[in-house]
Each structure stands twice: as C-alpha cells, then as structure tokens.
C-alpha atoms as a PDB file:
ATOM      1  CA  MET A   1     -54.717 -47.187 166.060  1.00  0.00           C
ATOM      2  CA  SER A   2     -55.689 -50.258 164.030  1.00  0.00           C
ATOM      3  CA  THR A   3     -54.440 -50.992 160.505  1.00  0.00           C
ATOM      4  CA  PRO A   4     -57.061 -51.965 157.886  1.00  0.00           C
ATOM      5  CA  PRO A   5     -56.742 -55.550 156.536  1.00  0.00           C
ATOM      6  CA  VAL A   6     -54.703 -56.123 153.405  1.00  0.00           C
ATOM      7  CA  GLY A   7     -56.747 -55.529 150.262  1.00  0.00           C
ATOM      8  CA  VAL A   8     -59.178 -53.111 151.934  1.00  0.00           C
ATOM      9  CA  PRO A   9     -59.111 -49.658 150.252  1.00  0.00           C
ATOM     10  CA  THR A  10     -57.751 -46.823 152.402  1.00  0.00           C
ATOM     11  CA  CYS A  11     -57.860 -43.050 152.023  1.00  0.00           C
ATOM     12  CA  TYR A  12     -55.100 -41.800 149.739  1.00  0.00           C
ATOM     13  CA  ARG A  13     -54.231 -39.134 152.313  1.00  0.00           C
ATOM     14  CA  HIS A  14     -54.785 -41.186 155.469  1.00  0.00           C
ATOM     15  CA  SER A  15     -53.471 -44.719 154.957  1.00  0.00           C
ATOM     16  CA  ASP A  16     -54.837 -45.936 158.306  1.00  0.00           C
ATOM     17  CA  ARG A  17     -58.490 -45.173 157.426  1.00  0.00           C
ATOM     18  CA  GLU A  18     -60.657 -47.704 155.653  1.00  0.00           C
ATOM     19  CA  THR A  19     -63.036 -46.245 153.084  1.00  0.00           C
ATOM     20  CA  TRP A  20     -65.207 -47.404 150.204  1.00  0.00           C
ATOM     21  CA  ILE A  21     -65.887 -43.924 148.824  1.00  0.00           C
ATOM     22  CA  ARG A  22     -63.976 -42.686 145.786  1.00  0.00           C
ATOM     23  CA  CYS A  23     -63.405 -39.236 144.313  1.00  0.00           C
ATOM     24  CA  GLN A  24     -65.776 -38.690 141.415  1.00  0.00           C
ATOM     25  CA  ARG A  25     -62.992 -37.066 139.407  1.00  0.00           C
ATOM     26  CA  CYS A  26     -59.813 -39.097 139.964  1.00  0.00           C
ATOM     27  CA  GLU A  27     -61.403 -42.192 141.620  1.00  0.00           C
ATOM     28  CA  ARG A  28     -58.929 -42.231 144.490  1.00  0.00           C
ATOM     29  CA  PRO A  29     -60.390 -43.484 147.783  1.00  0.00           C
ATOM     30  CA  ILE A  30     -61.214 -40.718 150.264  1.00  0.00           C
ATOM     31  CA  CYS A  31     -62.234 -40.788 153.921  1.00  0.00           C
ATOM     32  CA  PRO A  32     -64.983 -38.556 155.374  1.00  0.00           C
ATOM     33  CA  ASP A  33     -62.418 -35.893 156.379  1.00  0.00           C
ATOM     34  CA  CYS A  34     -61.220 -35.634 152.774  1.00  0.00           C
ATOM     35  CA  MET A  35     -64.639 -35.622 151.113  1.00  0.00           C
ATOM     36  CA  ARG A  36     -65.565 -32.334 149.450  1.00  0.00           C
ATOM     37  CA  ASP A  37     -69.028 -31.646 148.064  1.00  0.00           C
ATOM     38  CA  ALA A  38     -69.048 -31.414 144.277  1.00  0.00           C
ATOM     39  CA  ALA A  39     -71.727 -30.982 141.617  1.00  0.00           C
ATOM     40  CA  VAL A  40     -72.138 -34.761 141.587  1.00  0.00           C
ATOM     41  CA  GLY A  41     -70.988 -36.799 144.590  1.00  0.00           C
ATOM     42  CA  PHE A  42     -67.730 -35.991 146.338  1.00  0.00           C
ATOM     43  CA  GLN A  43     -64.235 -35.042 145.234  1.00  0.00           C
ATOM     44  CA  CYS A  44     -60.861 -35.121 146.949  1.00  0.00           C
ATOM     45  CA  PRO A  45     -59.108 -31.905 148.114  1.00  0.00           C
ATOM     46  CA  ASP A  46     -56.549 -32.072 145.272  1.00  0.00           C
ATOM     47  CA  CYS A  47     -59.218 -32.237 142.573  1.00  0.00           C
ATOM     48  CA  ILE A  48     -61.172 -29.407 144.179  1.00  0.00           C
ATOM     49  CA  ALA A  49     -58.041 -27.221 144.250  1.00  0.00           C
ATOM     50  CA  GLU A  50     -57.228 -28.065 140.624  1.00  0.00           C
ATOM     51  CA  GLY A  51     -60.773 -27.231 139.602  1.00  0.00           C
ATOM     52  CA  ASN A  52     -60.626 -23.883 141.383  1.00  0.00           C
ATOM     53  CA  ARG A  53     -57.418 -22.999 139.551  1.00  0.00           C
ATOM     54  CA  SER A  54     -58.959 -23.807 136.189  1.00  0.00           C
ATOM     55  CA  VAL A  55     -62.166 -21.845 136.815  1.00  0.00           C
ATOM     56  CA  ARG A  56     -62.016 -18.476 135.120  1.00  0.00           C
ATOM     57  CA  GLN A  57     -62.048 -15.645 137.658  1.00  0.00           C
ATOM     58  CA  ALA A  58     -64.869 -13.133 137.349  1.00  0.00           C
ATOM     59  CA  LYS A  59     -63.638  -9.815 135.978  1.00  0.00           C
ATOM     60  CA  THR A  60     -64.769  -6.231 136.308  1.00  0.00           C
ATOM     61  CA  ALA A  61     -65.844  -4.249 133.259  1.00  0.00           C
ATOM     62  CA  TYR A  62     -62.238  -3.199 132.620  1.00  0.00           C
ATOM     63  CA  GLY A  63     -60.305  -6.341 133.445  1.00  0.00           C
ATOM     64  CA  GLY A  64     -59.783  -6.276 137.214  1.00  0.00           C
ATOM     65  CA  ARG A  65     -60.737  -9.063 139.590  1.00  0.00           C
ATOM     66  CA  ILE A  66     -64.128  -8.798 141.265  1.00  0.00           C
ATOM     67  CA  THR A  67     -63.739  -8.751 145.039  1.00  0.00           C
ATOM     68  CA  GLY A  68     -66.235  -8.908 147.854  1.00  0.00           C
ATOM     69  CA  ASN A  69     -65.507  -5.460 149.288  1.00  0.00           C
ATOM     70  CA  PRO A  70     -64.773  -2.797 146.658  1.00  0.00           C
ATOM     71  CA  GLY A  71     -63.854  -0.201 149.279  1.00  0.00           C
ATOM     72  CA  VAL A  72     -60.839  -1.927 150.841  1.00  0.00           C
ATOM     73  CA  VAL A  73     -58.171   0.065 148.979  1.00  0.00           C
ATOM     74  CA  SER A  74     -59.981   3.352 149.615  1.00  0.00           C
ATOM     75  CA  ILE A  75     -60.216   2.587 153.330  1.00  0.00           C
ATOM     76  CA  ALA A  76     -56.508   1.726 153.422  1.00  0.00           C
ATOM     77  CA  LEU A  77     -55.609   4.989 151.666  1.00  0.00           C
ATOM     78  CA  ILE A  78     -57.767   6.972 154.080  1.00  0.00           C
ATOM     79  CA  GLY A  79     -56.100   5.181 156.983  1.00  0.00           C
ATOM     80  CA  ILE A  80     -52.593   6.060 155.728  1.00  0.00           C
ATOM     81  CA  ASN A  81     -53.547   9.727 155.320  1.00  0.00           C
ATOM     82  CA  VAL A  82     -55.010   9.889 158.820  1.00  0.00           C
ATOM     83  CA  VAL A  83     -52.012   8.167 160.425  1.00  0.00           C
ATOM     84  CA  VAL A  84     -49.581  10.568 158.709  1.00  0.00           C
ATOM     85  CA  TRP A  85     -51.695  13.562 159.793  1.00  0.00           C
ATOM     86  CA  VAL A  86     -51.769  12.401 163.416  1.00  0.00           C
ATOM     87  CA  ALA A  87     -47.993  11.848 163.391  1.00  0.00           C
ATOM     88  CA  ILE A  88     -47.327  15.326 161.976  1.00  0.00           C
ATOM     89  CA  MET A  89     -49.702  17.028 164.378  1.00  0.00           C
ATOM     90  CA  ALA A  90     -48.168  15.190 167.323  1.00  0.00           C
ATOM     91  CA  SER A  91     -44.617  16.151 166.323  1.00  0.00           C
ATOM     92  CA  GLY A  92     -44.990  19.875 165.758  1.00  0.00           C
ATOM     93  CA  ARG A  93     -47.204  20.587 162.717  1.00  0.00           C
ATOM     94  CA  TYR A  94     -45.228  22.826 160.325  1.00  0.00           C
ATOM     95  CA  GLY A  95     -42.176  22.468 162.504  1.00  0.00           C
ATOM     96  CA  SER A  96     -42.385  18.676 162.411  1.00  0.00           C
ATOM     97  CA  ARG A  97     -39.448  16.792 160.944  1.00  0.00           C
ATOM     98  CA  LEU A  98     -42.001  14.531 159.234  1.00  0.00           C
ATOM     99  CA  TYR A  99     -43.535  17.563 157.547  1.00  0.00           C
ATOM    100  CA  GLU A 100     -40.122  18.578 156.211  1.00  0.00           C
ATOM    101  CA  LEU A 101     -39.498  15.062 154.915  1.00  0.00           C
ATOM    102  CA  PHE A 102     -42.931  14.512 153.363  1.00  0.00           C
ATOM    103  CA  ALA A 103     -44.026  17.930 152.032  1.00  0.00           C
ATOM    104  CA  LEU A 104     -43.213  18.692 148.390  1.00  0.00           C
ATOM    105  CA  ALA A 105     -40.681  21.470 147.781  1.00  0.00           C
ATOM    106  CA  ALA A 106     -38.903  22.009 144.478  1.00  0.00           C
ATOM    107  CA  ARG A 107     -35.780  23.314 146.235  1.00  0.00           C
ATOM    108  CA  GLY A 108     -34.467  22.866 149.728  1.00  0.00           C
ATOM    109  CA  ALA A 109     -34.757  25.674 152.277  1.00  0.00           C
ATOM    110  CA  CYS A 110     -33.126  26.841 155.485  1.00  0.00           C
ATOM    111  CA  ARG A 111     -35.668  26.190 158.239  1.00  0.00           C
ATOM    112  CA  GLU A 112     -36.123  26.777 161.929  1.00  0.00           C
ATOM    113  CA  SER A 113     -37.543  24.135 164.257  1.00  0.00           C
ATOM    114  CA  ASN A 114     -40.733  26.207 164.668  1.00  0.00           C
ATOM    115  CA  GLY A 115     -41.520  25.955 160.939  1.00  0.00           C
ATOM    116  CA  GLY A 116     -40.115  29.330 159.902  1.00  0.00           C
ATOM    117  CA  TRP A 117     -37.728  29.510 156.983  1.00  0.00           C
ATOM    118  CA  TYR A 118     -35.230  31.817 155.275  1.00  0.00           C
ATOM    119  CA  PRO A 119     -35.916  32.116 151.531  1.00  0.00           C
ATOM    120  CA  PHE A 120     -32.597  33.696 150.537  1.00  0.00           C
ATOM    121  CA  VAL A 121     -30.182  31.582 152.583  1.00  0.00           C
ATOM    122  CA  ASP A 122     -28.257  28.855 150.762  1.00  0.00           C
ATOM    123  CA  LYS A 123     -27.301  25.474 152.176  1.00  0.00           C
ATOM    124  CA  ALA A 124     -23.742  26.414 153.131  1.00  0.00           C
ATOM    125  CA  SER A 125     -24.813  29.551 154.987  1.00  0.00           C
ATOM    126  CA  CYS A 126     -27.668  27.708 156.694  1.00  0.00           C
ATOM    127  CA  GLN A 127     -25.426  24.969 158.023  1.00  0.00           C
ATOM    128  CA  SER A 128     -23.023  27.506 159.444  1.00  0.00           C
ATOM    129  CA  GLY A 129     -25.744  28.812 161.764  1.00  0.00           C
ATOM    130  CA  THR A 130     -26.658  27.435 165.185  1.00  0.00           C
ATOM    131  CA  THR A 131     -30.431  27.136 165.232  1.00  0.00           C
ATOM    132  CA  ALA A 132     -31.500  26.633 161.611  1.00  0.00           C
ATOM    133  CA  HIS A 133     -31.060  23.502 159.504  1.00  0.00           C
ATOM    134  CA  TRP A 134     -31.338  22.603 155.832  1.00  0.00           C
ATOM    135  CA  ALA A 135     -34.509  20.819 154.662  1.00  0.00           C
ATOM    136  CA  ALA A 136     -33.973  19.233 151.247  1.00  0.00           C
ATOM    137  CA  GLY A 137     -36.373  19.553 148.322  1.00  0.00           C
ATOM    138  CA  VAL A 138     -36.951  17.288 145.323  1.00  0.00           C
ATOM    139  CA  SER A 139     -34.191  18.810 143.200  1.00  0.00           C
ATOM    140  CA  ASP A 140     -31.501  18.493 145.876  1.00  0.00           C
ATOM    141  CA  GLY A 141     -32.006  15.015 147.255  1.00  0.00           C
ATOM    142  CA  ALA A 142     -35.638  14.339 148.272  1.00  0.00           C
ATOM    143  CA  PRO A 143     -37.454  12.885 145.223  1.00  0.00           C
ATOM    144  CA  TRP A 144     -39.712  10.816 147.495  1.00  0.00           C
ATOM    145  CA  GLN A 145     -41.634  14.006 148.291  1.00  0.00           C
ATOM    146  CA  LEU A 146     -43.442  13.619 144.952  1.00  0.00           C
ATOM    147  CA  LEU A 147     -45.214  10.607 146.488  1.00  0.00           C
ATOM    148  CA  THR A 148     -45.234  11.322 150.227  1.00  0.00           C
ATOM    149  CA  SER A 149     -46.783  14.754 149.770  1.00  0.00           C
ATOM    150  CA  MET A 150     -50.008  13.170 148.498  1.00  0.00           C
ATOM    151  CA  PHE A 151     -50.446  11.470 151.896  1.00  0.00           C
ATOM    152  CA  THR A 152     -49.592  14.570 153.935  1.00  0.00           C
ATOM    153  CA  HIS A 153     -51.987  17.096 155.475  1.00  0.00           C
ATOM    154  CA  VAL A 154     -51.786  19.638 158.270  1.00  0.00           C
ATOM    155  CA  GLY A 155     -55.182  21.345 158.439  1.00  0.00           C
ATOM    156  CA  PRO A 156     -58.029  19.094 159.683  1.00  0.00           C
ATOM    157  CA  LEU A 157     -60.498  20.600 157.179  1.00  0.00           C
ATOM    158  CA  HIS A 158     -58.077  19.930 154.320  1.00  0.00           C
ATOM    159  CA  LEU A 159     -57.763  16.334 155.450  1.00  0.00           C
ATOM    160  CA  GLY A 160     -61.501  15.982 156.048  1.00  0.00           C
ATOM    161  CA  PHE A 161     -62.595  17.272 152.641  1.00  0.00           C
ATOM    162  CA  ASN A 162     -60.063  15.133 150.778  1.00  0.00           C
ATOM    163  CA  MET A 163     -60.924  11.968 152.691  1.00  0.00           C
ATOM    164  CA  LEU A 164     -64.657  12.543 152.261  1.00  0.00           C
ATOM    165  CA  ALA A 165     -64.152  12.912 148.498  1.00  0.00           C
ATOM    166  CA  LEU A 166     -61.986   9.777 148.464  1.00  0.00           C
ATOM    167  CA  TRP A 167     -64.657   7.849 150.367  1.00  0.00           C
ATOM    168  CA  VAL A 168     -67.378   8.976 147.932  1.00  0.00           C
ATOM    169  CA  LEU A 169     -65.450   8.517 144.675  1.00  0.00           C
ATOM    170  CA  GLY A 170     -63.032   5.708 145.479  1.00  0.00           C
ATOM    171  CA  PRO A 171     -65.302   2.664 145.934  1.00  0.00           C
ATOM    172  CA  GLN A 172     -67.098   3.402 142.649  1.00  0.00           C
ATOM    173  CA  LEU A 173     -63.858   3.323 140.688  1.00  0.00           C
ATOM    174  CA  GLU A 174     -62.508   0.418 142.712  1.00  0.00           C
ATOM    175  CA  SER A 175     -65.535  -1.670 141.720  1.00  0.00           C
ATOM    176  CA  LEU A 176     -65.099  -0.684 138.057  1.00  0.00           C
ATOM    177  CA  PHE A 177     -61.352  -1.242 137.754  1.00  0.00           C
ATOM    178  CA  GLY A 178     -60.495  -3.726 140.482  1.00  0.00           C
ATOM    179  CA  ARG A 179     -58.068  -3.080 143.309  1.00  0.00           C
ATOM    180  CA  GLY A 180     -54.783  -3.091 141.394  1.00  0.00           C
ATOM    181  CA  ARG A 181     -55.907  -0.821 138.561  1.00  0.00           C
ATOM    182  CA  TYR A 182     -57.658   1.516 140.978  1.00  0.00           C
ATOM    183  CA  LEU A 183     -54.545   1.831 143.139  1.00  0.00           C
ATOM    184  CA  ALA A 184     -52.479   2.556 140.018  1.00  0.00           C
ATOM    185  CA  LEU A 185     -55.010   5.242 139.044  1.00  0.00           C
ATOM    186  CA  TYR A 186     -54.803   6.871 142.464  1.00  0.00           C
ATOM    187  CA  LEU A 187     -51.013   6.846 142.751  1.00  0.00           C
ATOM    188  CA  LEU A 188     -50.301   7.938 139.176  1.00  0.00           C
ATOM    189  CA  SER A 189     -52.909  10.718 139.427  1.00  0.00           C
ATOM    190  CA  GLY A 190     -51.304  11.947 142.627  1.00  0.00           C
ATOM    191  CA  LEU A 191     -47.877  11.749 141.004  1.00  0.00           C
ATOM    192  CA  ALA A 192     -49.133  13.736 137.997  1.00  0.00           C
ATOM    193  CA  GLY A 193     -50.354  16.419 140.393  1.00  0.00           C
ATOM    194  CA  SER A 194     -46.997  16.445 142.183  1.00  0.00           C
ATOM    195  CA  VAL A 195     -45.051  16.764 138.924  1.00  0.00           C
ATOM    196  CA  ALA A 196     -47.264  19.711 137.910  1.00  0.00           C
ATOM    197  CA  VAL A 197     -46.507  21.333 141.271  1.00  0.00           C
ATOM    198  CA  TYR A 198     -42.801  20.626 140.775  1.00  0.00           C
ATOM    199  CA  TRP A 199     -42.849  22.486 137.454  1.00  0.00           C
ATOM    200  CA  LEU A 200     -45.315  25.283 138.106  1.00  0.00           C
ATOM    201  CA  SER A 201     -45.162  26.204 141.815  1.00  0.00           C
ATOM    202  CA  GLY A 202     -42.695  28.417 143.626  1.00  0.00           C
ATOM    203  CA  GLU A 203     -39.326  26.769 144.040  1.00  0.00           C
ATOM    204  CA  GLN A 204     -39.221  26.918 147.851  1.00  0.00           C
ATOM    205  CA  THR A 205     -42.912  26.734 148.679  1.00  0.00           C
ATOM    206  CA  THR A 206     -44.156  23.505 150.214  1.00  0.00           C
ATOM    207  CA  THR A 207     -47.245  21.687 148.940  1.00  0.00           C
ATOM    208  CA  VAL A 208     -49.150  18.864 150.626  1.00  0.00           C
ATOM    209  CA  GLY A 209     -52.437  17.034 150.247  1.00  0.00           C
ATOM    210  CA  ALA A 210     -54.262  14.256 148.430  1.00  0.00           C
ATOM    211  CA  SER A 211     -56.130  16.758 146.243  1.00  0.00           C
ATOM    212  CA  GLY A 212     -54.186  15.856 143.098  1.00  0.00           C
ATOM    213  CA  ALA A 213     -55.134  12.184 143.445  1.00  0.00           C
ATOM    214  CA  VAL A 214     -58.740  13.092 144.292  1.00  0.00           C
ATOM    215  CA  PHE A 215     -59.006  15.325 141.220  1.00  0.00           C
ATOM    216  CA  GLY A 216     -57.596  12.390 139.281  1.00  0.00           C
ATOM    217  CA  LEU A 217     -60.510  10.255 140.470  1.00  0.00           C
ATOM    218  CA  MET A 218     -62.906  12.974 139.274  1.00  0.00           C
ATOM    219  CA  GLY A 219     -61.274  13.028 135.853  1.00  0.00           C
ATOM    220  CA  ALA A 220     -61.437   9.242 135.692  1.00  0.00           C
ATOM    221  CA  LEU A 221     -65.163   9.195 136.460  1.00  0.00           C
ATOM    222  CA  VAL A 222     -65.799  11.676 133.645  1.00  0.00           C
ATOM    223  CA  VAL A 223     -63.934   9.447 131.189  1.00  0.00           C
ATOM    224  CA  VAL A 224     -65.849   6.368 132.356  1.00  0.00           C
ATOM    225  CA  GLY A 225     -69.146   8.246 132.066  1.00  0.00           C
ATOM    226  CA  LEU A 226     -68.345   9.335 128.516  1.00  0.00           C
ATOM    227  CA  LYS A 227     -67.276   5.779 127.610  1.00  0.00           C
ATOM    228  CA  VAL A 228     -70.580   4.248 128.713  1.00  0.00           C
ATOM    229  CA  GLY A 229     -72.692   7.118 127.410  1.00  0.00           C
ATOM    230  CA  GLY A 230     -73.804   8.225 130.869  1.00  0.00           C
ATOM    231  CA  ASN A 231     -74.918  11.646 132.035  1.00  0.00           C
ATOM    232  CA  VAL A 232     -71.825  13.402 133.363  1.00  0.00           C
ATOM    233  CA  GLN A 233     -73.378  16.853 133.808  1.00  0.00           C
ATOM    234  CA  SER A 234     -73.635  16.633 137.591  1.00  0.00           C
ATOM    235  CA  LEU A 235     -70.033  15.431 137.832  1.00  0.00           C
ATOM    236  CA  LEU A 236     -68.831  18.249 135.549  1.00  0.00           C
ATOM    237  CA  MET A 237     -70.721  20.757 137.720  1.00  0.00           C
ATOM    238  CA  TRP A 238     -69.008  19.338 140.817  1.00  0.00           C
ATOM    239  CA  ILE A 239     -65.612  19.605 139.123  1.00  0.00           C
ATOM    240  CA  GLY A 240     -66.437  23.151 138.018  1.00  0.00           C
ATOM    241  CA  LEU A 241     -67.342  24.097 141.590  1.00  0.00           C
ATOM    242  CA  ASN A 242     -64.057  22.684 142.824  1.00  0.00           C
ATOM    243  CA  VAL A 243     -62.172  24.611 140.145  1.00  0.00           C
ATOM    244  CA  VAL A 244     -63.856  27.838 141.298  1.00  0.00           C
ATOM    245  CA  LEU A 245     -62.904  27.067 144.899  1.00  0.00           C
ATOM    246  CA  THR A 246     -59.362  26.273 143.796  1.00  0.00           C
ATOM    247  CA  PHE A 247     -58.888  29.804 142.451  1.00  0.00           C
ATOM    248  CA  SER A 248     -61.002  31.499 145.138  1.00  0.00           C
ATOM    249  CA  LEU A 249     -59.563  30.140 148.367  1.00  0.00           C
ATOM    250  CA  PRO A 250     -56.095  31.088 149.612  1.00  0.00           C
ATOM    251  CA  ASN A 251     -53.205  28.609 149.755  1.00  0.00           C
ATOM    252  CA  VAL A 252     -54.789  26.121 147.355  1.00  0.00           C
ATOM    253  CA  SER A 253     -52.522  24.454 144.804  1.00  0.00           C
ATOM    254  CA  TRP A 254     -54.191  24.858 141.428  1.00  0.00           C
ATOM    255  CA  GLN A 255     -51.113  23.199 139.935  1.00  0.00           C
ATOM    256  CA  GLY A 256     -51.713  19.962 141.846  1.00  0.00           C
ATOM    257  CA  HIS A 257     -55.445  19.994 141.069  1.00  0.00           C
ATOM    258  CA  PHE A 258     -54.869  20.616 137.362  1.00  0.00           C
ATOM    259  CA  GLY A 259     -52.134  17.987 137.079  1.00  0.00           C
ATOM    260  CA  GLY A 260     -54.178  15.386 138.927  1.00  0.00           C
ATOM    261  CA  LEU A 261     -57.304  16.037 136.859  1.00  0.00           C
ATOM    262  CA  VAL A 262     -55.504  15.729 133.523  1.00  0.00           C
ATOM    263  CA  GLY A 263     -53.477  12.757 134.726  1.00  0.00           C
ATOM    264  CA  GLY A 264     -56.523  10.898 136.041  1.00  0.00           C
ATOM    265  CA  ALA A 265     -58.394  11.412 132.780  1.00  0.00           C
ATOM    266  CA  ALA A 266     -55.440  10.123 130.743  1.00  0.00           C
ATOM    267  CA  ILE A 267     -54.975   7.089 132.996  1.00  0.00           C
ATOM    268  CA  ALA A 268     -58.671   6.244 132.871  1.00  0.00           C
ATOM    269  CA  ALA A 269     -58.635   6.548 129.071  1.00  0.00           C
ATOM    270  CA  VAL A 270     -55.903   3.897 128.945  1.00  0.00           C
ATOM    271  CA  LEU A 271     -57.925   1.607 131.218  1.00  0.00           C
ATOM    272  CA  VAL A 272     -61.344   1.935 129.599  1.00  0.00           C
ATOM    273  CA  PHE A 273     -60.448   2.174 125.904  1.00  0.00           C
ATOM    274  CA  ALA A 274     -57.990  -0.730 125.771  1.00  0.00           C
ATOM    275  CA  PRO A 275     -59.414  -3.416 123.404  1.00  0.00           C
ATOM    276  CA  LYS A 276     -60.760  -6.429 125.249  1.00  0.00           C
ATOM    277  CA  GLU A 277     -58.650  -8.915 123.280  1.00  0.00           C
ATOM    278  CA  ARG A 278     -55.332  -7.494 124.563  1.00  0.00           C
ATOM    279  CA  ARG A 279     -56.672  -5.433 127.427  1.00  0.00           C
ATOM    280  CA  THR A 280     -54.247  -6.248 130.226  1.00  0.00           C
ATOM    281  CA  ALA A 281     -51.112  -5.974 128.093  1.00  0.00           C
ATOM    282  CA  LEU A 282     -52.182  -2.642 126.615  1.00  0.00           C
ATOM    283  CA  GLN A 283     -53.249  -1.296 130.005  1.00  0.00           C
ATOM    284  CA  VAL A 284     -49.889  -2.195 131.543  1.00  0.00           C
ATOM    285  CA  ALA A 285     -48.044  -0.674 128.579  1.00  0.00           C
ATOM    286  CA  GLY A 286     -50.128   2.515 128.713  1.00  0.00           C
ATOM    287  CA  LEU A 287     -49.753   3.016 132.465  1.00  0.00           C
ATOM    288  CA  THR A 288     -46.031   2.291 132.207  1.00  0.00           C
ATOM    289  CA  ALA A 289     -45.724   4.927 129.479  1.00  0.00           C
ATOM    290  CA  ILE A 290     -47.525   7.517 131.619  1.00  0.00           C
ATOM    291  CA  GLY A 291     -45.338   6.691 134.604  1.00  0.00           C
ATOM    292  CA  ALA A 292     -42.212   6.945 132.445  1.00  0.00           C
ATOM    293  CA  ALA A 293     -43.347  10.320 131.077  1.00  0.00           C
ATOM    294  CA  LEU A 294     -43.779  11.618 134.631  1.00  0.00           C
ATOM    295  CA  VAL A 295     -40.310  10.382 135.571  1.00  0.00           C
ATOM    296  CA  VAL A 296     -38.798  12.071 132.510  1.00  0.00           C
ATOM    297  CA  ALA A 297     -40.619  15.322 133.356  1.00  0.00           C
ATOM    298  CA  THR A 298     -39.230  15.114 136.894  1.00  0.00           C
ATOM    299  CA  VAL A 299     -35.681  14.567 135.655  1.00  0.00           C
ATOM    300  CA  LEU A 300     -35.923  17.474 133.215  1.00  0.00           C
ATOM    301  CA  ARG A 301     -37.207  19.817 135.919  1.00  0.00           C
ATOM    302  CA  THR A 302     -34.408  18.726 138.237  1.00  0.00           C
ATOM    303  CA  VAL A 303     -31.858  19.495 135.522  1.00  0.00           C
ATOM    304  CA  VAL A 304     -33.376  22.947 135.054  1.00  0.00           C
ATOM    305  CA  LEU A 305     -33.200  23.665 138.788  1.00  0.00           C
ATOM    306  CA  SER A 306     -29.660  22.332 139.191  1.00  0.00           C
END
C-alpha cells in the first residue's frame, strides 16, 4: 500500500488515501468510501450522523414516534398470548403448573394435578395430604398473576376472539399513540381489569384472558373519537354488544371487562388531552398516577384478604 506524497490531502478517516474532495459541512477531506450524498455535494459520515441527531423526529398526533410498521407491538402481544396458550395446552390445560402460576386468583387454593380443587381446605391441611398441593393466589404470594393472567388463555375460542379484536383495534391505536404509549395503554388497561377482578370476583375462582386489555382498547378508541369529533356510534354499538355477551355467556368475567373498559378510557384521556406544550411530562405523570392508584388498590385488597 503506497503512502501519498507529503502535502497531498488525505481522507480524515483513511490516512493512506489521497483525495481532493472535502465535506461540504466541515471541509475535512473525504475519500469515495466516506462520501455521503447531501442536499448539496457530499458530507462526511460524522456530519451526516450529527445532522440526523439534530433533525426533529416526526411525531404521532399524541406525541409518540412515527414508525414504519404500526402493528409491531400488536403482533408481539399476539405472539406472547399464543405461545403461553400452547405451553399451557401442552402441559395439562387446567392441571398445568403454568396455569396455576399465571391464572389470577385472589386467594390460594388446594389443587389436584388434574385441575380439581378443594374450596374449604386451608394451606396447612392441604400440605399434609399426599396428592394435593397448594397453589398460591395474589393475596398470599403471587402478585404477578395480575399481569400474567392477561396473557393466559385455555379455550381456543377465547384466545381467538381476543386476538382477533387485538389485531383489529391494536394497530389503529399504535399508529395514533406510538409504540411506547400504546404498550402502556394495553398493559395498564389489562392491569385495571385484573385489579377489578381481584376486588370483585370470588376469592378462590381463577380468571384468565386478555379481555380486560382488549376492552381497554375499546374504551381508548371511544375517547379518541370524542376528542377528534368523530362518529363513535358504531364503536359504542360494538361495545354494547360485547357487554350483552359478557352478561349472557357463562364463565365470562364482567369484572375484568368493566375494569379494563374504564381503565382504558382513563388512560386514553391522559394521553389525548395532555396540552401539547408539556405533553410528554404530563402523560408520564398521568400514567404513573394511574399505575400508582392500581398498586394502592391491590395493596388495600390484600390487606382486606389477609
């Protein structure tokens, strides 16, 4: 490899390459490998990177970053739900250890490996037996169930309906809020549904499903529609139909649906009504306050059950 003669300009990144081309921004010499097309002439990689950092990122209507594929988070959530369902089905359905760990129960219960349980047997008596074992609930050591239950399904129709609704509703809200805000909406809505179940359902019944989070997405779309002055009649009819089904079909958690719907509407109100001047700070503060309120409600319920 030859060395350019003394006094001949060389690329600032490759000192062995002679060049007579300079960056239009910083005027450092650049070789063909370091030339980057710019509005006028060429720029060096460092100036291009600095320019990209200073360019203001495009934002969604409510402050999130605009991304190329607004359905990525929804697809990931669907994937997690499907993987958990497959794992539970493969390991024994209602008798699965994963089901016991993930399903939401206010109190623990004495369970058999086939999924049966004894409602009036306490932990000490259960552990003295030979075939049954104790499966903890939220109030006695399994608080994670408030989150894991929203990714847990057993019936294929239950899973299918929830994932179809998530696929229809999710990308719309993801494009409006951006990925981070949309994910916060989904998780906090699901948590609101779980907290409502924790307070209002039977103490040893188990509840699973993404319905609370899905109802939260419905509530959020209503709030967005009202904010922009859109026609929300068809969406309200769809919600009304789901409410009728909630109280008509057996083994449906109206508590989770109600909690998710109210929670999603409240979360969306924080996101869409925050003033533009301080939008991000107020959105973070509002979502943090909602999350804190749900934690406090969980602690209070646990104290009551203790």
